[in-house]
């Protein structure tokens, strides 16, 4: 992960690592009782986050997160694969 210095905070974009500003439970996995410290932005509208390993997803609000770095190419591939799966599942569900 390419980390940012405190004086280099930028606007959020797809591929950025983000962490919750205050409520640390925003990236919580209740099934495994695990709190992810950061996630990658997969979409800005809607604000859709995916865990680094591609296992977890969250739909949230941009205002609740701050940029903490930028994902490397390998991580982006995992994130985009998961986003494709989510999109396909949405399409399939729309035919029911």
N, C-alpha and C. Protein backbone atom coordinates (compact mmCIF):
# COMPACT_ATOMS: atom_id res chain seq x y z
N UNK A 1 0.84 -1.18 0.00
CA UNK A 1 0.00 0.00 0.00
C UNK A 1 0.88 1.23 0.00
N UNK A 2 0.56 2.17 -0.85
CA UNK A 2 1.24 3.46 -0.86
C UNK A 2 0.54 4.36 0.15
N UNK A 3 1.22 4.66 1.26
CA UNK A 3 0.62 5.46 2.32
C UNK A 3 0.80 6.95 2.04
N UNK A 4 -0.09 7.72 2.65
CA UNK A 4 -0.05 9.17 2.49
C UNK A 4 0.50 9.83 3.74
N UNK A 5 1.19 10.91 3.57
CA UNK A 5 1.60 11.70 4.72
C UNK A 5 0.42 12.56 5.14
N UNK A 6 0.41 13.03 6.38
CA UNK A 6 -0.70 13.82 6.89
C UNK A 6 -0.94 15.09 6.10
N UNK A 7 0.09 15.65 5.48
CA UNK A 7 -0.08 16.90 4.76
C UNK A 7 -0.49 16.66 3.30
N UNK A 8 -0.74 15.41 2.93
CA UNK A 8 -1.05 15.11 1.54
C UNK A 8 -2.41 14.42 1.40
N UNK A 9 -3.40 14.80 2.19
CA UNK A 9 -4.73 14.23 2.08
C UNK A 9 -5.38 14.74 0.80
N UNK A 10 -6.05 13.82 0.09
CA UNK A 10 -6.64 14.14 -1.20
C UNK A 10 -8.10 13.71 -1.22
N UNK A 11 -8.79 14.06 -2.32
CA UNK A 11 -10.14 13.59 -2.51
C UNK A 11 -10.12 12.10 -2.77
N UNK A 12 -11.21 11.43 -2.42
CA UNK A 12 -11.28 9.99 -2.59
C UNK A 12 -11.55 9.61 -4.04
N UNK A 13 -10.96 8.47 -4.44
CA UNK A 13 -11.21 7.94 -5.78
C UNK A 13 -11.13 6.42 -5.74
N UNK A 14 -11.63 5.79 -6.79
CA UNK A 14 -11.59 4.33 -6.89
C UNK A 14 -10.14 3.87 -6.79
N UNK A 15 -9.91 2.84 -5.99
CA UNK A 15 -8.57 2.31 -5.80
C UNK A 15 -7.87 2.84 -4.57
N UNK A 16 -8.49 3.77 -3.88
CA UNK A 16 -7.90 4.31 -2.64
C UNK A 16 -8.21 3.39 -1.47
N UNK A 17 -7.24 3.28 -0.57
CA UNK A 17 -7.48 2.68 0.73
C UNK A 17 -8.14 3.75 1.59
N UNK A 18 -9.18 3.36 2.32
CA UNK A 18 -9.83 4.28 3.25
C UNK A 18 -9.98 3.60 4.60
N UNK A 19 -10.03 4.42 5.64
CA UNK A 19 -10.26 3.96 7.00
C UNK A 19 -11.38 4.83 7.58
N UNK A 20 -12.15 4.28 8.52
CA UNK A 20 -13.22 5.07 9.14
C UNK A 20 -12.66 6.28 9.87
N UNK A 21 -13.35 7.39 9.77
CA UNK A 21 -12.94 8.61 10.48
C UNK A 21 -13.11 8.43 11.99
N UNK A 22 -14.28 7.94 12.42
CA UNK A 22 -14.55 7.82 13.85
C UNK A 22 -15.06 6.44 14.24
N UNK A 23 -16.15 6.00 13.65
CA UNK A 23 -16.79 4.74 14.02
C UNK A 23 -16.01 3.57 13.44
N UNK A 24 -15.15 2.98 14.24
CA UNK A 24 -14.28 1.90 13.77
C UNK A 24 -15.05 0.65 13.38
N UNK A 25 -16.31 0.54 13.80
CA UNK A 25 -17.11 -0.64 13.47
C UNK A 25 -17.72 -0.58 12.07
N UNK A 26 -17.44 0.45 11.30
CA UNK A 26 -17.98 0.55 9.95
C UNK A 26 -17.45 -0.54 9.04
N UNK A 27 -16.30 -1.09 9.34
CA UNK A 27 -15.70 -2.16 8.54
C UNK A 27 -15.64 -3.45 9.34
N UNK A 28 -16.75 -3.77 9.99
CA UNK A 28 -16.79 -4.94 10.87
C UNK A 28 -17.44 -6.12 10.16
N UNK A 29 -16.89 -7.30 10.35
CA UNK A 29 -17.44 -8.55 9.84
C UNK A 29 -18.05 -9.27 11.04
N UNK A 30 -19.37 -9.22 11.17
CA UNK A 30 -20.02 -9.80 12.34
C UNK A 30 -19.98 -11.32 12.33
N UNK A 31 -19.88 -11.92 11.16
CA UNK A 31 -19.82 -13.37 11.08
C UNK A 31 -18.53 -13.91 11.71
N UNK A 32 -17.41 -13.32 11.34
CA UNK A 32 -16.12 -13.76 11.88
C UNK A 32 -15.66 -12.92 13.06
N UNK A 33 -16.46 -11.94 13.43
CA UNK A 33 -16.15 -11.01 14.51
C UNK A 33 -14.76 -10.42 14.34
N UNK A 34 -14.57 -9.86 13.18
CA UNK A 34 -13.28 -9.26 12.81
C UNK A 34 -13.52 -7.84 12.31
N UNK A 35 -12.69 -6.92 12.75
CA UNK A 35 -12.80 -5.54 12.31
C UNK A 35 -11.66 -5.25 11.33
N UNK A 36 -12.02 -4.93 10.10
CA UNK A 36 -11.03 -4.57 9.09
C UNK A 36 -10.64 -3.12 9.33
N UNK A 37 -9.38 -2.83 9.38
CA UNK A 37 -8.92 -1.47 9.64
C UNK A 37 -9.06 -0.54 8.45
N UNK A 38 -9.06 -1.15 7.25
CA UNK A 38 -9.15 -0.33 6.05
C UNK A 38 -9.79 -1.17 4.94
N UNK A 39 -10.24 -0.49 3.90
CA UNK A 39 -10.83 -1.15 2.74
C UNK A 39 -10.48 -0.34 1.50
N UNK A 40 -10.82 -0.88 0.34
CA UNK A 40 -10.52 -0.20 -0.92
C UNK A 40 -11.82 0.26 -1.55
N UNK A 41 -11.81 1.46 -2.08
CA UNK A 41 -12.98 1.98 -2.77
C UNK A 41 -13.09 1.29 -4.12
N UNK A 42 -14.26 0.63 -4.35
CA UNK A 42 -14.52 -0.02 -5.63
C UNK A 42 -15.45 0.83 -6.49
N UNK A 43 -16.24 1.69 -5.85
CA UNK A 43 -17.17 2.56 -6.55
C UNK A 43 -17.45 3.78 -5.68
N UNK A 44 -17.61 4.92 -6.32
CA UNK A 44 -17.93 6.15 -5.57
C UNK A 44 -19.43 6.41 -5.49
N UNK A 45 -20.17 5.96 -6.48
CA UNK A 45 -21.62 6.20 -6.51
C UNK A 45 -22.33 4.97 -7.03
N UNK A 46 -22.74 4.09 -6.16
CA UNK A 46 -22.76 4.18 -4.70
C UNK A 46 -21.36 3.99 -4.12
N UNK A 47 -21.19 4.42 -2.87
CA UNK A 47 -19.90 4.31 -2.20
C UNK A 47 -19.76 2.88 -1.71
N UNK A 48 -19.04 2.08 -2.48
CA UNK A 48 -18.93 0.64 -2.28
C UNK A 48 -17.49 0.28 -1.98
N UNK A 49 -17.29 -0.38 -0.83
CA UNK A 49 -15.94 -0.74 -0.38
C UNK A 49 -15.78 -2.25 -0.39
N UNK A 50 -14.55 -2.69 -0.66
CA UNK A 50 -14.22 -4.11 -0.67
C UNK A 50 -12.94 -4.30 0.14
N UNK A 51 -12.92 -5.39 0.92
CA UNK A 51 -11.72 -5.68 1.71
C UNK A 51 -10.55 -6.02 0.79
N UNK A 52 -9.37 -5.89 1.33
CA UNK A 52 -8.15 -6.12 0.56
C UNK A 52 -8.09 -7.53 -0.05
N UNK A 53 -8.63 -8.51 0.66
CA UNK A 53 -8.62 -9.89 0.16
C UNK A 53 -9.81 -10.18 -0.75
N UNK A 54 -10.75 -9.24 -0.84
CA UNK A 54 -11.91 -9.42 -1.71
C UNK A 54 -13.05 -10.17 -1.06
N UNK A 55 -12.93 -10.49 0.22
CA UNK A 55 -13.93 -11.30 0.90
C UNK A 55 -15.14 -10.50 1.36
N UNK A 56 -14.92 -9.33 1.89
CA UNK A 56 -16.00 -8.53 2.47
C UNK A 56 -16.32 -7.32 1.59
N UNK A 57 -17.60 -6.92 1.65
CA UNK A 57 -18.03 -5.70 0.95
C UNK A 57 -18.89 -4.87 1.90
N UNK A 58 -18.88 -3.57 1.68
CA UNK A 58 -19.70 -2.66 2.47
C UNK A 58 -20.24 -1.56 1.57
N UNK A 59 -21.46 -1.19 1.79
CA UNK A 59 -22.07 -0.03 1.15
C UNK A 59 -22.16 1.03 2.23
N UNK A 60 -21.57 2.19 2.00
CA UNK A 60 -21.45 3.17 3.07
C UNK A 60 -21.56 4.59 2.52
N UNK A 61 -21.02 5.54 3.28
CA UNK A 61 -21.04 6.96 2.92
C UNK A 61 -19.62 7.51 2.91
N UNK A 62 -19.30 8.22 1.88
CA UNK A 62 -17.96 8.78 1.70
C UNK A 62 -17.53 9.64 2.88
N UNK A 63 -18.48 10.38 3.45
CA UNK A 63 -18.16 11.31 4.55
C UNK A 63 -17.61 10.62 5.79
N UNK A 64 -17.86 9.31 5.91
CA UNK A 64 -17.44 8.57 7.09
C UNK A 64 -16.02 8.02 7.00
N UNK A 65 -15.34 8.26 5.86
CA UNK A 65 -14.03 7.66 5.63
C UNK A 65 -13.01 8.70 5.20
N UNK A 66 -11.75 8.36 5.44
CA UNK A 66 -10.65 9.20 4.98
C UNK A 66 -9.64 8.34 4.25
N UNK A 67 -8.98 8.93 3.29
CA UNK A 67 -7.99 8.22 2.50
C UNK A 67 -6.74 7.98 3.34
N UNK A 68 -6.24 6.73 3.27
CA UNK A 68 -5.02 6.40 4.00
C UNK A 68 -3.95 5.82 3.08
N UNK A 69 -4.25 5.69 1.80
CA UNK A 69 -3.26 5.17 0.87
C UNK A 69 -3.89 4.81 -0.47
N UNK A 70 -3.09 4.20 -1.30
CA UNK A 70 -3.55 3.78 -2.63
C UNK A 70 -3.19 2.31 -2.82
N UNK A 71 -4.13 1.55 -3.35
CA UNK A 71 -3.93 0.12 -3.53
C UNK A 71 -2.96 -0.16 -4.68
N UNK A 72 -2.18 -1.21 -4.50
CA UNK A 72 -1.27 -1.67 -5.55
C UNK A 72 -2.08 -2.41 -6.62
N UNK A 73 -1.49 -2.59 -7.77
CA UNK A 73 -2.15 -3.21 -8.91
C UNK A 73 -2.74 -4.59 -8.57
N UNK A 74 -1.99 -5.43 -7.87
CA UNK A 74 -2.45 -6.77 -7.52
C UNK A 74 -3.72 -6.74 -6.67
N UNK A 75 -3.78 -5.80 -5.75
CA UNK A 75 -4.96 -5.66 -4.89
C UNK A 75 -6.13 -5.15 -5.72
N UNK A 76 -5.88 -4.23 -6.62
CA UNK A 76 -6.95 -3.71 -7.47
C UNK A 76 -7.57 -4.81 -8.33
N UNK A 77 -6.77 -5.74 -8.78
CA UNK A 77 -7.29 -6.86 -9.57
C UNK A 77 -8.27 -7.68 -8.74
N UNK A 78 -7.91 -7.98 -7.49
CA UNK A 78 -8.80 -8.72 -6.59
C UNK A 78 -10.10 -7.95 -6.37
N UNK A 79 -9.98 -6.65 -6.13
CA UNK A 79 -11.14 -5.81 -5.87
C UNK A 79 -12.06 -5.76 -7.10
N UNK A 80 -11.51 -5.60 -8.27
CA UNK A 80 -12.32 -5.52 -9.48
C UNK A 80 -12.98 -6.86 -9.80
N UNK A 81 -12.30 -7.96 -9.49
CA UNK A 81 -12.92 -9.28 -9.67
C UNK A 81 -14.13 -9.42 -8.76
N UNK A 82 -14.01 -8.99 -7.51
CA UNK A 82 -15.14 -9.07 -6.58
C UNK A 82 -16.26 -8.14 -7.02
N UNK A 83 -15.92 -6.96 -7.51
CA UNK A 83 -16.94 -6.03 -7.99
C UNK A 83 -17.70 -6.64 -9.17
N UNK A 84 -17.00 -7.33 -10.04
CA UNK A 84 -17.64 -8.00 -11.18
C UNK A 84 -18.62 -9.06 -10.69
N UNK A 85 -18.24 -9.82 -9.68
CA UNK A 85 -19.12 -10.84 -9.11
C UNK A 85 -20.37 -10.20 -8.53
N UNK A 86 -20.20 -9.11 -7.79
CA UNK A 86 -21.34 -8.41 -7.20
C UNK A 86 -22.27 -7.87 -8.28
N UNK A 87 -21.71 -7.32 -9.33
CA UNK A 87 -22.50 -6.76 -10.42
C UNK A 87 -23.28 -7.87 -11.13
N UNK A 88 -22.62 -9.00 -11.40
CA UNK A 88 -23.28 -10.13 -12.04
C UNK A 88 -24.41 -10.66 -11.18
N UNK A 89 -24.19 -10.77 -9.88
CA UNK A 89 -25.24 -11.24 -8.97
C UNK A 89 -26.45 -10.31 -8.99
N UNK A 90 -26.20 -9.01 -9.10
CA UNK A 90 -27.28 -8.05 -9.18
C UNK A 90 -28.09 -8.23 -10.46
N UNK A 91 -27.38 -8.45 -11.56
CA UNK A 91 -28.04 -8.68 -12.84
C UNK A 91 -28.90 -9.94 -12.81
N UNK A 92 -28.36 -11.01 -12.28
CA UNK A 92 -29.10 -12.27 -12.19
C UNK A 92 -30.35 -12.10 -11.33
N UNK A 93 -30.20 -11.43 -10.20
CA UNK A 93 -31.33 -11.21 -9.30
C UNK A 93 -32.42 -10.38 -9.97
N UNK A 94 -32.06 -9.51 -10.88
CA UNK A 94 -33.06 -8.66 -11.53
C UNK A 94 -33.96 -9.45 -12.49
N UNK A 95 -33.56 -10.67 -12.84
CA UNK A 95 -34.38 -11.50 -13.73
C UNK A 95 -35.39 -12.35 -12.97
N UNK A 96 -35.29 -12.40 -11.67
CA UNK A 96 -36.23 -13.20 -10.86
C UNK A 96 -37.56 -12.51 -10.72
